[in-house]
């Protein structure tokens, strides 16, 4: 979930609408509303935040350090002024990155993923050579072949890749996909989404990549020794695609 903080309601509404169209849950706050929410938010609610987008507000200089005391999520400042002094002041306030508007939302998603990747390092994980997730709206790839997914299944896969090997609850997935303020849907929808995603991954990988355990949750588990069965006639093409994929700078981040 992305949280947009801006004292201009029209701006927050615009970003929220754009992110929702990209399949990313989000909510907008004025600086005063955000301050009140942050003081009372639970640890589980804060853990569901992927990033804070900090726009034009009176408290922009002091908010980043207050945010960092409660959350490790990336803080990205959105500035309408392309001035070195303004950019340096924003970095000094404690933000992780500064972007200048207008900017495409997919670039913001990619920057968020890059910040998370730098924080955890570049160590490869077992699923890296089998599933590539780009965290910018692009279809994931399995063995170099794109896997087209509905936006909510894609978001679930992104969340699971970010937490590869960890048990995650249905509530955690729901918060990541629908947001902590969603009241229209029930958490039970996650079971349907995960079931469909699980089948698609099994068809491509040849084994169950998602482990489900009652009362515990779900876990993405791709052992390092597993291989993907690829038809012989496709091996040449796959070799080319894999080389291209590993040459790309935006392989999925190890965590978020």
C-alpha atoms as a PDB file:
ATOM      1  CA  UNK A   1       0.000   0.000   0.000  1.00  0.00           C
ATOM      2  CA  UNK A   2       1.200   3.500  -0.891  1.00  0.00           C
ATOM      3  CA  UNK A   3       0.376   6.503   1.273  1.00  0.00           C
ATOM      4  CA  UNK A   4       0.305   9.924  -0.384  1.00  0.00           C
ATOM      5  CA  UNK A   5       0.678  12.963   1.863  1.00  0.00           C
ATOM      6  CA  UNK A   6      -0.279  16.266   0.266  1.00  0.00           C
ATOM      7  CA  UNK A   7      -2.401  19.167   1.474  1.00  0.00           C
ATOM      8  CA  UNK A   8      -4.010  19.462  -1.968  1.00  0.00           C
ATOM      9  CA  UNK A   9      -6.934  17.057  -2.091  1.00  0.00           C
ATOM     10  CA  UNK A  10      -7.066  17.073  -5.881  1.00  0.00           C
ATOM     11  CA  UNK A  11      -3.435  15.913  -6.009  1.00  0.00           C
ATOM     12  CA  UNK A  12      -3.900  13.050  -3.546  1.00  0.00           C
ATOM     13  CA  UNK A  13      -7.048  11.933  -5.387  1.00  0.00           C
ATOM     14  CA  UNK A  14      -5.162  11.943  -8.680  1.00  0.00           C
ATOM     15  CA  UNK A  15      -2.306   9.808  -7.359  1.00  0.00           C
ATOM     16  CA  UNK A  16      -4.627   7.409  -5.567  1.00  0.00           C
ATOM     17  CA  UNK A  17      -6.658   6.922  -8.730  1.00  0.00           C
ATOM     18  CA  UNK A  18      -3.548   6.383 -10.834  1.00  0.00           C
ATOM     19  CA  UNK A  19      -2.034   3.855  -8.433  1.00  0.00           C
ATOM     20  CA  UNK A  20      -5.284   1.921  -8.187  1.00  0.00           C
ATOM     21  CA  UNK A  21      -5.331   1.669 -11.985  1.00  0.00           C
ATOM     22  CA  UNK A  22      -1.823   0.200 -11.750  1.00  0.00           C
ATOM     23  CA  UNK A  23      -3.163  -2.387  -9.315  1.00  0.00           C
ATOM     24  CA  UNK A  24      -1.584  -0.808  -6.238  1.00  0.00           C
ATOM     25  CA  UNK A  25      -3.698   0.024  -3.193  1.00  0.00           C
ATOM     26  CA  UNK A  26      -3.222   3.544  -1.871  1.00  0.00           C
ATOM     27  CA  UNK A  27      -4.755   6.295   0.211  1.00  0.00           C
ATOM     28  CA  UNK A  28      -4.240  10.041   0.413  1.00  0.00           C
ATOM     29  CA  UNK A  29      -3.911  12.185   3.536  1.00  0.00           C
ATOM     30  CA  UNK A  30      -3.439  15.841   4.273  1.00  0.00           C
ATOM     31  CA  UNK A  31      -0.402  16.413   6.507  1.00  0.00           C
ATOM     32  CA  UNK A  32      -2.616  16.904   9.590  1.00  0.00           C
ATOM     33  CA  UNK A  33      -4.646  13.757   8.898  1.00  0.00           C
ATOM     34  CA  UNK A  34      -1.502  11.770   8.262  1.00  0.00           C
ATOM     35  CA  UNK A  35       0.120  12.940  11.489  1.00  0.00           C
ATOM     36  CA  UNK A  36      -2.930  11.834  13.505  1.00  0.00           C
ATOM     37  CA  UNK A  37      -3.042   8.469  11.738  1.00  0.00           C
ATOM     38  CA  UNK A  38       0.672   7.793  12.117  1.00  0.00           C
ATOM     39  CA  UNK A  39       0.568   8.391  15.872  1.00  0.00           C
ATOM     40  CA  UNK A  40      -2.170   5.796  16.361  1.00  0.00           C
ATOM     41  CA  UNK A  41      -1.417   3.268  13.589  1.00  0.00           C
ATOM     42  CA  UNK A  42      -0.647  -0.280  14.700  1.00  0.00           C
ATOM     43  CA  UNK A  43       2.581  -2.057  13.804  1.00  0.00           C
ATOM     44  CA  UNK A  44       0.693  -4.375  11.446  1.00  0.00           C
ATOM     45  CA  UNK A  45      -0.865  -1.402   9.633  1.00  0.00           C
ATOM     46  CA  UNK A  46       2.521   0.269   9.228  1.00  0.00           C
ATOM     47  CA  UNK A  47       4.038  -3.004   8.001  1.00  0.00           C
ATOM     48  CA  UNK A  48       1.537  -2.964   5.115  1.00  0.00           C
ATOM     49  CA  UNK A  49       2.944   0.317   3.753  1.00  0.00           C
ATOM     50  CA  UNK A  50       5.156  -0.102   0.677  1.00  0.00           C
ATOM     51  CA  UNK A  51       6.116   3.565   0.428  1.00  0.00           C
ATOM     52  CA  UNK A  52       5.210   7.093   1.454  1.00  0.00           C
ATOM     53  CA  UNK A  53       4.874   9.702  -1.294  1.00  0.00           C
ATOM     54  CA  UNK A  54       5.419  13.126   0.212  1.00  0.00           C
ATOM     55  CA  UNK A  55       3.989  16.010  -1.787  1.00  0.00           C
ATOM     56  CA  UNK A  56       3.336  19.670  -1.055  1.00  0.00           C
ATOM     57  CA  UNK A  57       2.529  20.247   2.612  1.00  0.00           C
ATOM     58  CA  UNK A  58       3.585  22.612   5.383  1.00  0.00           C
ATOM     59  CA  UNK A  59       5.176  19.850   7.480  1.00  0.00           C
ATOM     60  CA  UNK A  60       7.259  18.351   4.674  1.00  0.00           C
ATOM     61  CA  UNK A  61      10.532  19.312   6.333  1.00  0.00           C
ATOM     62  CA  UNK A  62       9.736  17.533   9.607  1.00  0.00           C
ATOM     63  CA  UNK A  63       7.575  14.594   8.547  1.00  0.00           C
ATOM     64  CA  UNK A  64      10.284  12.291   7.093  1.00  0.00           C
ATOM     65  CA  UNK A  65      12.164  11.814  10.363  1.00  0.00           C
ATOM     66  CA  UNK A  66       8.890  11.299  12.232  1.00  0.00           C
ATOM     67  CA  UNK A  67       7.911   8.672   9.620  1.00  0.00           C
ATOM     68  CA  UNK A  68      11.243   6.899   9.958  1.00  0.00           C
ATOM     69  CA  UNK A  69      10.758   6.457  13.701  1.00  0.00           C
ATOM     70  CA  UNK A  70       7.741   4.252  13.000  1.00  0.00           C
ATOM     71  CA  UNK A  71       8.381   2.729   9.582  1.00  0.00           C
ATOM     72  CA  UNK A  72      11.255   1.618   7.363  1.00  0.00           C
ATOM     73  CA  UNK A  73       9.209   1.995   4.157  1.00  0.00           C
ATOM     74  CA  UNK A  74      10.787   4.182   1.440  1.00  0.00           C
ATOM     75  CA  UNK A  75       9.934   7.882   1.602  1.00  0.00           C
ATOM     76  CA  UNK A  76       9.850   9.578  -1.786  1.00  0.00           C
ATOM     77  CA  UNK A  77       9.427  13.343  -2.027  1.00  0.00           C
ATOM     78  CA  UNK A  78       7.569  14.685  -5.059  1.00  0.00           C
ATOM     79  CA  UNK A  79       8.728  18.164  -5.987  1.00  0.00           C
ATOM     80  CA  UNK A  80       7.470  20.620  -8.556  1.00  0.00           C
ATOM     81  CA  UNK A  81      10.662  22.686  -8.327  1.00  0.00           C
ATOM     82  CA  UNK A  82      13.726  21.583 -10.272  1.00  0.00           C
ATOM     83  CA  UNK A  83      16.121  23.560  -8.104  1.00  0.00           C
ATOM     84  CA  UNK A  84      19.253  22.128  -6.530  1.00  0.00           C
ATOM     85  CA  UNK A  85      18.653  23.972  -3.231  1.00  0.00           C
ATOM     86  CA  UNK A  86      15.157  22.549  -2.913  1.00  0.00           C
ATOM     87  CA  UNK A  87      16.308  19.013  -3.788  1.00  0.00           C
ATOM     88  CA  UNK A  88      19.152  19.115  -1.248  1.00  0.00           C
ATOM     89  CA  UNK A  89      16.807  20.371   1.463  1.00  0.00           C
ATOM     90  CA  UNK A  90      14.457  17.475   0.820  1.00  0.00           C
ATOM     91  CA  UNK A  91      17.267  14.938   1.093  1.00  0.00           C
ATOM     92  CA  UNK A  92      18.472  16.612   4.284  1.00  0.00           C
ATOM     93  CA  UNK A  93      14.981  16.250   5.751  1.00  0.00           C
ATOM     94  CA  UNK A  94      15.398  12.475   5.596  1.00  0.00           C
ATOM     95  CA  UNK A  95      13.669  11.312   2.402  1.00  0.00           C
ATOM     96  CA  UNK A  96      15.096   8.386   0.430  1.00  0.00           C
ATOM     97  CA  UNK A  97      14.558   9.868  -3.012  1.00  0.00           C
ATOM     98  CA  UNK A  98      13.329  13.010  -4.744  1.00  0.00           C
ATOM     99  CA  UNK A  99      11.337  12.955  -7.975  1.00  0.00           C
ATOM    100  CA  UNK A 100      10.183  15.903 -10.014  1.00  0.00           C
ATOM    101  CA  UNK A 101       6.609  16.042 -11.226  1.00  0.00           C
ATOM    102  CA  UNK A 102       5.082  15.306 -13.594  1.00  0.00           C
ATOM    103  CA  UNK A 103       6.334  11.738 -13.402  1.00  0.00           C
ATOM    104  CA  UNK A 104       4.878   8.412 -14.559  1.00  0.00           C
ATOM    105  CA  UNK A 105       3.627   6.308 -11.672  1.00  0.00           C
ATOM    106  CA  UNK A 106       5.505   3.270 -12.966  1.00  0.00           C
ATOM    107  CA  UNK A 107       8.747   5.159 -12.455  1.00  0.00           C
ATOM    108  CA  UNK A 108       7.772   5.771  -8.839  1.00  0.00           C
ATOM    109  CA  UNK A 109       7.056   2.052  -8.419  1.00  0.00           C
ATOM    110  CA  UNK A 110      10.447   1.212  -9.938  1.00  0.00           C
ATOM    111  CA  UNK A 111      12.221   3.710  -7.677  1.00  0.00           C
ATOM    112  CA  UNK A 112      10.514   2.217  -4.620  1.00  0.00           C
ATOM    113  CA  UNK A 113      11.719  -1.245  -5.622  1.00  0.00           C
ATOM    114  CA  UNK A 114      15.247   0.077  -6.198  1.00  0.00           C
ATOM    115  CA  UNK A 115      15.370   1.624  -2.715  1.00  0.00           C
ATOM    116  CA  UNK A 116      14.249  -1.654  -1.155  1.00  0.00           C
ATOM    117  CA  UNK A 117      16.801  -3.586  -3.229  1.00  0.00           C
ATOM    118  CA  UNK A 118      19.660  -1.363  -2.084  1.00  0.00           C
ATOM    119  CA  UNK A 119      18.680  -1.767   1.551  1.00  0.00           C
ATOM    120  CA  UNK A 120      18.774  -5.548   1.543  1.00  0.00           C
ATOM    121  CA  UNK A 121      21.693  -5.909  -0.853  1.00  0.00           C
ATOM    122  CA  UNK A 122      21.997  -7.767  -4.114  1.00  0.00           C
ATOM    123  CA  UNK A 123      22.389 -11.325  -2.811  1.00  0.00           C
ATOM    124  CA  UNK A 124      20.575 -13.779  -5.110  1.00  0.00           C
ATOM    125  CA  UNK A 125      17.703 -15.814  -3.706  1.00  0.00           C
ATOM    126  CA  UNK A 126      16.444 -19.248  -4.804  1.00  0.00           C
ATOM    127  CA  UNK A 127      13.568 -17.932  -6.907  1.00  0.00           C
ATOM    128  CA  UNK A 128      15.544 -15.209  -8.701  1.00  0.00           C
ATOM    129  CA  UNK A 129      16.514 -17.354 -11.692  1.00  0.00           C
ATOM    130  CA  UNK A 130      13.021 -18.840 -11.959  1.00  0.00           C
ATOM    131  CA  UNK A 131      10.633 -15.963 -11.351  1.00  0.00           C
ATOM    132  CA  UNK A 132      11.459 -12.374 -12.210  1.00  0.00           C
ATOM    133  CA  UNK A 133       9.144  -9.714 -10.850  1.00  0.00           C
ATOM    134  CA  UNK A 134       9.802  -6.128 -11.859  1.00  0.00           C
ATOM    135  CA  UNK A 135       7.573  -4.171  -9.421  1.00  0.00           C
ATOM    136  CA  UNK A 136       6.638  -1.582 -12.042  1.00  0.00           C
ATOM    137  CA  UNK A 137       3.510  -3.064 -13.591  1.00  0.00           C
ATOM    138  CA  UNK A 138       5.417  -5.198 -16.081  1.00  0.00           C
ATOM    139  CA  UNK A 139       4.386  -8.840 -16.457  1.00  0.00           C
ATOM    140  CA  UNK A 140       6.596 -11.246 -14.473  1.00  0.00           C
ATOM    141  CA  UNK A 141       8.757 -13.751 -16.325  1.00  0.00           C
ATOM    142  CA  UNK A 142       9.221 -17.456 -15.733  1.00  0.00           C
ATOM    143  CA  UNK A 143      12.104 -19.071 -17.608  1.00  0.00           C
ATOM    144  CA  UNK A 144      12.264 -15.942 -19.732  1.00  0.00           C
ATOM    145  CA  UNK A 145       8.603 -16.164 -20.778  1.00  0.00           C
ATOM    146  CA  UNK A 146       6.116 -13.506 -19.699  1.00  0.00           C
ATOM    147  CA  UNK A 147       3.266 -14.636 -17.462  1.00  0.00           C
ATOM    148  CA  UNK A 148       0.268 -12.330 -17.856  1.00  0.00           C
ATOM    149  CA  UNK A 149      -1.609 -11.968 -14.582  1.00  0.00           C
ATOM    150  CA  UNK A 150      -4.604  -9.928 -13.435  1.00  0.00           C
ATOM    151  CA  UNK A 151      -3.407  -6.959 -11.421  1.00  0.00           C
ATOM    152  CA  UNK A 152      -4.346  -8.399  -8.021  1.00  0.00           C
ATOM    153  CA  UNK A 153      -2.665 -11.725  -8.687  1.00  0.00           C
ATOM    154  CA  UNK A 154       0.400  -9.787  -9.832  1.00  0.00           C
ATOM    155  CA  UNK A 155       0.377  -7.783  -6.616  1.00  0.00           C
ATOM    156  CA  UNK A 156       0.132 -10.988  -4.572  1.00  0.00           C
ATOM    157  CA  UNK A 157       3.080 -12.485  -6.459  1.00  0.00           C
ATOM    158  CA  UNK A 158       5.117  -9.311  -5.888  1.00  0.00           C
ATOM    159  CA  UNK A 159       4.355  -9.442  -2.187  1.00  0.00           C
ATOM    160  CA  UNK A 160       5.248 -13.127  -1.965  1.00  0.00           C
ATOM    161  CA  UNK A 161       8.507 -12.646  -3.872  1.00  0.00           C
ATOM    162  CA  UNK A 162       9.407  -9.837  -1.476  1.00  0.00           C
ATOM    163  CA  UNK A 163       8.818 -12.242   1.409  1.00  0.00           C
ATOM    164  CA  UNK A 164      10.174 -15.400  -0.239  1.00  0.00           C
ATOM    165  CA  UNK A 165      10.430 -18.282   2.211  1.00  0.00           C
ATOM    166  CA  UNK A 166       8.405 -16.522   4.926  1.00  0.00           C
ATOM    167  CA  UNK A 167       4.926 -17.446   6.110  1.00  0.00           C
ATOM    168  CA  UNK A 168       2.510 -14.594   5.406  1.00  0.00           C
ATOM    169  CA  UNK A 169      -1.052 -14.452   6.633  1.00  0.00           C
ATOM    170  CA  UNK A 170      -4.194 -13.881   4.630  1.00  0.00           C
ATOM    171  CA  UNK A 171      -4.584 -10.560   6.442  1.00  0.00           C
ATOM    172  CA  UNK A 172      -1.102  -9.427   5.419  1.00  0.00           C
ATOM    173  CA  UNK A 173      -1.796 -10.271   1.787  1.00  0.00           C
ATOM    174  CA  UNK A 174      -5.194  -8.557   1.914  1.00  0.00           C
ATOM    175  CA  UNK A 175      -3.638  -5.399   3.332  1.00  0.00           C
ATOM    176  CA  UNK A 176      -0.944  -5.422   0.648  1.00  0.00           C
ATOM    177  CA  UNK A 177      -3.438  -5.918  -2.192  1.00  0.00           C
ATOM    178  CA  UNK A 178      -6.520  -4.032  -1.053  1.00  0.00           C
ATOM    179  CA  UNK A 179      -5.119  -1.700   1.606  1.00  0.00           C
ATOM    180  CA  UNK A 180      -5.753  -1.467   5.321  1.00  0.00           C
ATOM    181  CA  UNK A 181      -8.725   0.875   4.833  1.00  0.00           C
ATOM    182  CA  UNK A 182     -10.676  -1.359   2.434  1.00  0.00           C
ATOM    183  CA  UNK A 183     -14.159  -2.271   3.663  1.00  0.00           C
ATOM    184  CA  UNK A 184     -15.890  -3.278   0.424  1.00  0.00           C
ATOM    185  CA  UNK A 185     -14.239  -6.699   0.176  1.00  0.00           C
ATOM    186  CA  UNK A 186     -13.760  -9.491   2.688  1.00  0.00           C
ATOM    187  CA  UNK A 187     -10.422 -11.183   3.356  1.00  0.00           C
ATOM    188  CA  UNK A 188     -11.830 -14.407   1.928  1.00  0.00           C
ATOM    189  CA  UNK A 189     -11.262 -13.053  -1.607  1.00  0.00           C
ATOM    190  CA  UNK A 190      -7.552 -13.702  -1.062  1.00  0.00           C
ATOM    191  CA  UNK A 191      -8.152 -17.461  -1.032  1.00  0.00           C
ATOM    192  CA  UNK A 192      -9.571 -17.294  -4.555  1.00  0.00           C
ATOM    193  CA  UNK A 193      -6.762 -15.063  -5.857  1.00  0.00           C
ATOM    194  CA  UNK A 194      -4.039 -17.260  -4.355  1.00  0.00           C
ATOM    195  CA  UNK A 195      -5.666 -20.445  -5.651  1.00  0.00           C
ATOM    196  CA  UNK A 196      -5.684 -19.119  -9.226  1.00  0.00           C
ATOM    197  CA  UNK A 197      -2.115 -17.792  -8.947  1.00  0.00           C
ATOM    198  CA  UNK A 198      -0.936 -21.069  -7.445  1.00  0.00           C
ATOM    199  CA  UNK A 199      -2.332 -23.061 -10.380  1.00  0.00           C
ATOM    200  CA  UNK A 200      -0.728 -20.752 -12.966  1.00  0.00           C
ATOM    201  CA  UNK A 201       2.664 -21.004 -11.283  1.00  0.00           C
ATOM    202  CA  UNK A 202       2.357 -24.784 -10.982  1.00  0.00           C
ATOM    203  CA  UNK A 203       1.543 -25.080 -14.684  1.00  0.00           C
ATOM    204  CA  UNK A 204       4.669 -23.075 -15.573  1.00  0.00           C
ATOM    205  CA  UNK A 205       7.101 -24.340 -12.942  1.00  0.00           C
ATOM    206  CA  UNK A 206       6.030 -27.963 -12.748  1.00  0.00           C
ATOM    207  CA  UNK A 207       5.659 -27.923  -8.942  1.00  0.00           C
ATOM    208  CA  UNK A 208       3.710 -26.068  -6.264  1.00  0.00           C
ATOM    209  CA  UNK A 209       5.584 -22.831  -5.582  1.00  0.00           C
ATOM    210  CA  UNK A 210       2.995 -21.610  -3.073  1.00  0.00           C
ATOM    211  CA  UNK A 211       2.575 -23.643   0.103  1.00  0.00           C
ATOM    212  CA  UNK A 212      -0.673 -23.171   2.030  1.00  0.00           C
ATOM    213  CA  UNK A 213      -1.188 -24.114   5.667  1.00  0.00           C
ATOM    214  CA  UNK A 214      -4.455 -23.716   7.514  1.00  0.00           C
ATOM    215  CA  UNK A 215      -4.406 -21.138  10.315  1.00  0.00           C
ATOM    216  CA  UNK A 216      -0.863 -20.135   9.306  1.00  0.00           C
ATOM    217  CA  UNK A 217      -1.070 -18.659   5.820  1.00  0.00           C
ATOM    218  CA  UNK A 218       0.936 -18.946   2.624  1.00  0.00           C
ATOM    219  CA  UNK A 219       4.590 -19.201   1.703  1.00  0.00           C
ATOM    220  CA  UNK A 220       6.376 -18.871  -1.619  1.00  0.00           C
ATOM    221  CA  UNK A 221       8.920 -21.674  -1.587  1.00  0.00           C
ATOM    222  CA  UNK A 222      11.153 -22.355  -4.590  1.00  0.00           C
ATOM    223  CA  UNK A 223      14.064 -24.629  -3.618  1.00  0.00           C
ATOM    224  CA  UNK A 224      17.412 -23.745  -5.136  1.00  0.00           C
ATOM    225  CA  UNK A 225      17.694 -27.193  -6.728  1.00  0.00           C
ATOM    226  CA  UNK A 226      14.402 -27.073  -8.592  1.00  0.00           C
ATOM    227  CA  UNK A 227      14.441 -26.863 -12.373  1.00  0.00           C
ATOM    228  CA  UNK A 228      11.805 -25.837 -14.872  1.00  0.00           C
ATOM    229  CA  UNK A 229      10.786 -28.294 -17.539  1.00  0.00           C
ATOM    230  CA  UNK A 230      10.976 -26.528 -20.907  1.00  0.00           C
ATOM    231  CA  UNK A 231      10.000 -28.208 -24.193  1.00  0.00           C
ATOM    232  CA  UNK A 232      13.095 -29.021 -26.250  1.00  0.00           C
ATOM    233  CA  UNK A 233      11.999 -26.867 -29.184  1.00  0.00           C
ATOM    234  CA  UNK A 234      11.880 -23.822 -26.897  1.00  0.00           C
ATOM    235  CA  UNK A 235      15.335 -24.191 -25.362  1.00  0.00           C
ATOM    236  CA  UNK A 236      17.065 -21.932 -27.872  1.00  0.00           C
ATOM    237  CA  UNK A 237      14.554 -19.163 -27.425  1.00  0.00           C
ATOM    238  CA  UNK A 238      14.593 -19.491 -23.640  1.00  0.00           C
ATOM    239  CA  UNK A 239      18.373 -19.207 -23.570  1.00  0.00           C
ATOM    240  CA  UNK A 240      18.180 -15.887 -25.384  1.00  0.00           C
ATOM    241  CA  UNK A 241      15.408 -14.576 -23.153  1.00  0.00           C
ATOM    242  CA  UNK A 242      17.170 -15.606 -19.962  1.00  0.00           C
ATOM    243  CA  UNK A 243      20.320 -13.801 -21.037  1.00  0.00           C
ATOM    244  CA  UNK A 244      18.308 -10.678 -21.719  1.00  0.00           C
ATOM    245  CA  UNK A 245      16.479 -10.962 -18.412  1.00  0.00           C
ATOM    246  CA  UNK A 246      19.643 -11.309 -16.361  1.00  0.00           C
ATOM    247  CA  UNK A 247      21.221  -8.387 -18.213  1.00  0.00           C
ATOM    248  CA  UNK A 248      18.308  -6.150 -17.249  1.00  0.00           C
ATOM    249  CA  UNK A 249      19.009  -3.877 -14.267  1.00  0.00           C
ATOM    250  CA  UNK A 250      15.580  -4.408 -12.700  1.00  0.00           C
ATOM    251  CA  UNK A 251      15.413  -8.042 -11.583  1.00  0.00           C
ATOM    252  CA  UNK A 252      13.077  -8.410  -8.641  1.00  0.00           C
ATOM    253  CA  UNK A 253      14.385  -6.995  -5.355  1.00  0.00           C
ATOM    254  CA  UNK A 254      15.289  -9.383  -2.603  1.00  0.00           C
ATOM    255  CA  UNK A 255      12.858  -7.766  -0.174  1.00  0.00           C
ATOM    256  CA  UNK A 256      10.547  -4.846   0.452  1.00  0.00           C
END
